Protein backbone atom coordinates (compact mmCIF):
# COMPACT_ATOMS: atom_id res chain seq x y z
CA MET A 1 -33.17 -19.00 20.91
CA LYS A 2 -29.58 -17.92 21.72
CA SER A 3 -28.35 -21.43 20.90
CA MET A 4 -29.92 -21.24 17.43
CA PHE A 5 -28.37 -17.80 16.87
CA LYS A 6 -24.92 -19.13 17.85
CA LYS A 7 -25.33 -22.11 15.54
CA ARG A 8 -26.25 -19.84 12.63
CA THR A 9 -23.37 -17.51 13.38
CA TYR A 10 -20.87 -20.38 13.44
CA LEU A 11 -22.29 -21.78 10.20
CA MET A 12 -21.98 -18.38 8.50
CA LEU A 13 -18.39 -17.97 9.75
CA LEU A 14 -17.50 -21.45 8.49
CA ALA A 15 -18.98 -20.77 5.06
CA THR A 16 -17.21 -17.41 4.82
CA GLY A 17 -13.92 -19.02 5.87
CA LEU A 18 -14.25 -21.71 3.22
CA LEU A 19 -14.94 -19.09 0.57
CA ALA A 20 -11.98 -16.97 1.67
CA ALA A 21 -9.69 -20.02 1.69
CA SER A 22 -10.72 -20.94 -1.83
CA MET A 23 -10.05 -17.43 -3.12
CA ASN A 24 -6.55 -17.36 -1.57
CA ALA A 25 -5.52 -20.83 -2.70
CA ASN A 26 -3.87 -19.51 -5.87
CA ALA A 27 -2.14 -16.52 -4.24
CA GLY A 28 1.35 -17.73 -5.32
CA VAL A 29 2.64 -18.67 -8.77
CA LEU A 30 2.93 -22.43 -8.15
CA GLY A 31 0.60 -24.48 -10.28
CA LEU A 32 -0.90 -24.40 -13.76
CA TRP A 33 -1.57 -21.26 -15.82
CA GLU A 34 -2.99 -21.00 -19.35
CA GLY A 35 -1.58 -18.35 -21.63
CA GLU A 36 -1.19 -16.74 -25.03
CA TRP A 37 1.88 -15.27 -26.71
CA THR A 38 1.71 -12.82 -29.62
CA GLN A 39 4.19 -10.98 -31.79
CA GLY A 40 2.70 -9.09 -34.70
CA SER A 41 0.59 -11.56 -36.68
CA LEU A 42 2.19 -14.58 -34.97
CA ALA A 43 0.46 -16.25 -32.04
CA ALA A 44 0.87 -19.26 -29.78
CA ASP A 45 -0.99 -20.79 -26.87
CA PHE A 46 0.76 -22.41 -23.94
CA ASP A 47 0.26 -24.04 -20.58
CA LEU A 48 2.66 -22.62 -18.01
CA ASN A 49 3.41 -24.83 -15.03
CA PHE A 50 5.45 -23.53 -12.09
CA THR A 51 6.61 -26.77 -10.47
CA SER A 52 8.65 -25.55 -7.47
CA GLN A 53 9.49 -22.35 -5.63
CA ASN A 54 11.64 -21.77 -2.57
CA SER A 55 11.40 -19.12 0.14
CA ALA A 56 13.94 -16.91 -1.66
CA GLY A 57 11.62 -16.74 -4.68
CA ALA A 58 13.64 -19.02 -7.00
CA PHE A 59 11.38 -21.24 -9.10
CA THR A 60 11.41 -23.86 -11.85
CA GLY A 61 8.80 -24.97 -14.33
CA TYR A 62 7.94 -25.52 -17.96
CA PHE A 63 5.89 -24.25 -20.89
CA ASP A 64 3.85 -26.68 -23.02
CA TRP A 65 3.49 -24.87 -26.35
CA THR A 66 0.71 -25.24 -28.93
CA CYS A 67 1.27 -22.94 -31.86
CA THR A 68 -1.17 -21.16 -34.11
CA ALA A 69 -1.17 -18.54 -36.87
CA GLY A 70 1.81 -19.66 -38.92
CA ILE A 71 4.46 -20.66 -36.34
CA THR A 72 5.82 -24.18 -36.27
CA CYS A 73 6.29 -25.25 -32.68
CA SER A 74 5.24 -27.86 -30.20
CA GLY A 75 6.64 -29.46 -27.11
CA ARG A 76 7.99 -28.50 -23.75
CA GLU A 77 10.38 -25.70 -22.74
CA PHE A 78 11.87 -25.92 -19.23
CA PHE A 79 12.89 -22.80 -17.32
CA SER A 80 14.17 -21.48 -14.01
CA GLY A 81 13.88 -18.01 -12.58
CA VAL A 82 13.18 -15.83 -9.61
CA GLN A 83 10.21 -13.91 -8.25
CA ILE A 84 10.91 -10.65 -6.40
CA ALA A 85 7.66 -9.18 -5.08
CA SER A 86 5.34 -9.22 -8.10
CA VAL A 87 8.10 -9.38 -10.75
CA LEU A 88 9.07 -12.71 -12.35
CA ALA A 89 12.18 -13.18 -14.50
CA PHE A 90 13.06 -16.54 -15.98
CA THR A 91 15.22 -18.18 -18.63
CA THR A 92 14.91 -21.38 -20.65
CA THR A 93 17.13 -24.15 -19.28
CA SER A 94 16.33 -26.85 -21.85
CA ILE A 95 13.96 -27.83 -24.64
CA GLY A 96 12.10 -31.16 -24.57
CA ALA A 97 12.58 -33.80 -27.26
CA GLY A 98 10.72 -33.09 -30.50
CA ALA A 99 10.17 -29.41 -29.77
CA VAL A 100 10.59 -27.05 -32.73
CA ASN A 101 11.00 -23.25 -32.71
CA ILE A 102 9.67 -22.77 -29.22
CA GLY A 103 9.50 -19.21 -27.86
CA PRO A 104 12.30 -16.86 -26.84
CA SER A 105 14.74 -17.87 -24.13
CA ASN A 106 14.18 -15.02 -21.63
CA TYR A 107 10.88 -13.96 -20.11
CA LEU A 108 9.82 -11.13 -17.84
CA GLY A 109 6.43 -11.11 -16.13
CA LEU A 110 4.40 -9.07 -13.69
CA LEU A 111 2.01 -10.81 -11.32
CA VAL A 112 -0.92 -8.43 -11.86
CA ASN A 113 -3.05 -10.20 -9.25
CA SER A 114 -3.35 -13.72 -7.87
CA SER A 115 -4.76 -15.02 -11.16
CA THR A 116 -3.04 -13.03 -13.94
CA ILE A 117 0.56 -12.67 -15.18
CA SER A 118 1.43 -10.26 -18.01
CA GLY A 119 4.85 -10.23 -19.58
CA THR A 120 7.26 -9.76 -22.43
CA ALA A 121 9.85 -11.99 -24.06
CA THR A 122 13.32 -10.82 -25.11
CA GLY A 123 12.97 -12.51 -28.48
CA GLY A 124 9.91 -10.33 -29.08
CA GLY A 125 6.25 -10.46 -28.31
CA VAL A 126 4.05 -10.23 -25.28
CA TRP A 127 2.42 -12.95 -23.24
CA ARG A 128 -0.37 -13.22 -20.72
CA ALA A 129 -1.38 -16.14 -18.49
CA LYS A 130 -4.39 -16.85 -16.27
CA ALA A 131 -4.29 -19.25 -13.32
CA VAL A 132 -6.23 -22.48 -13.70
CA PRO A 133 -8.18 -23.20 -10.49
CA GLU A 134 -7.16 -26.39 -8.75
CA PRO A 135 -9.88 -29.00 -8.08
CA ALA A 136 -9.43 -28.50 -4.32
CA THR A 137 -10.00 -24.77 -4.74
CA LEU A 138 -13.21 -25.39 -6.64
CA GLY A 139 -14.29 -27.89 -3.97
CA LEU A 140 -13.73 -25.37 -1.19
CA LEU A 141 -15.66 -22.75 -3.13
CA GLY A 142 -18.53 -25.21 -3.58
CA LEU A 143 -18.57 -26.08 0.13
CA GLY A 144 -18.62 -22.40 1.03
CA LEU A 145 -21.55 -21.76 -1.29
CA LEU A 146 -23.42 -24.78 0.10
CA GLY A 147 -22.86 -23.48 3.63
CA ILE A 148 -24.21 -20.06 2.75
CA GLY A 149 -27.19 -21.67 0.98
CA ALA A 150 -27.97 -23.87 4.01
CA PHE A 151 -27.73 -20.88 6.31
CA ARG A 152 -30.13 -18.83 4.18
CA ARG A 153 -32.57 -21.72 3.80
CA ARG A 154 -32.73 -22.31 7.56
CA ARG A 155 -33.06 -18.61 8.21
CA HIS A 156 -36.11 -18.29 5.94
CA ALA A 157 -37.78 -21.48 7.20
């Protein structure tokens, strides 16, 4: 009986650990975020990809813009910046080929939590981005849920 209890306890701890790992996988800013920018009646959607970040908080990345509501823009805008605690400040370093009228050149953001950034742009407007879960994160979440389900099924049997 004690052996079965230990087995169940270990299974529950494993499932909980997998769930916790999946929730913390996006704790930093590295990776893909989806966002929206607005200024008055103007609006644009973008994918925000933080490609590298060092231990001092300096990072690089790019925006992929898709414009809506009367703005002409498309293409990629590269940037570099720095994260100090939950504050992000970054500046455009270059614009990709074929890009037209892409957003302002300076951005300020606040990492509200591990999945949301809210910010402003010096050229005007506000922006908000949500983290896109990585496939590995979703896989870990699924494994954790399967572990909890198996534990509950065995417990009721």
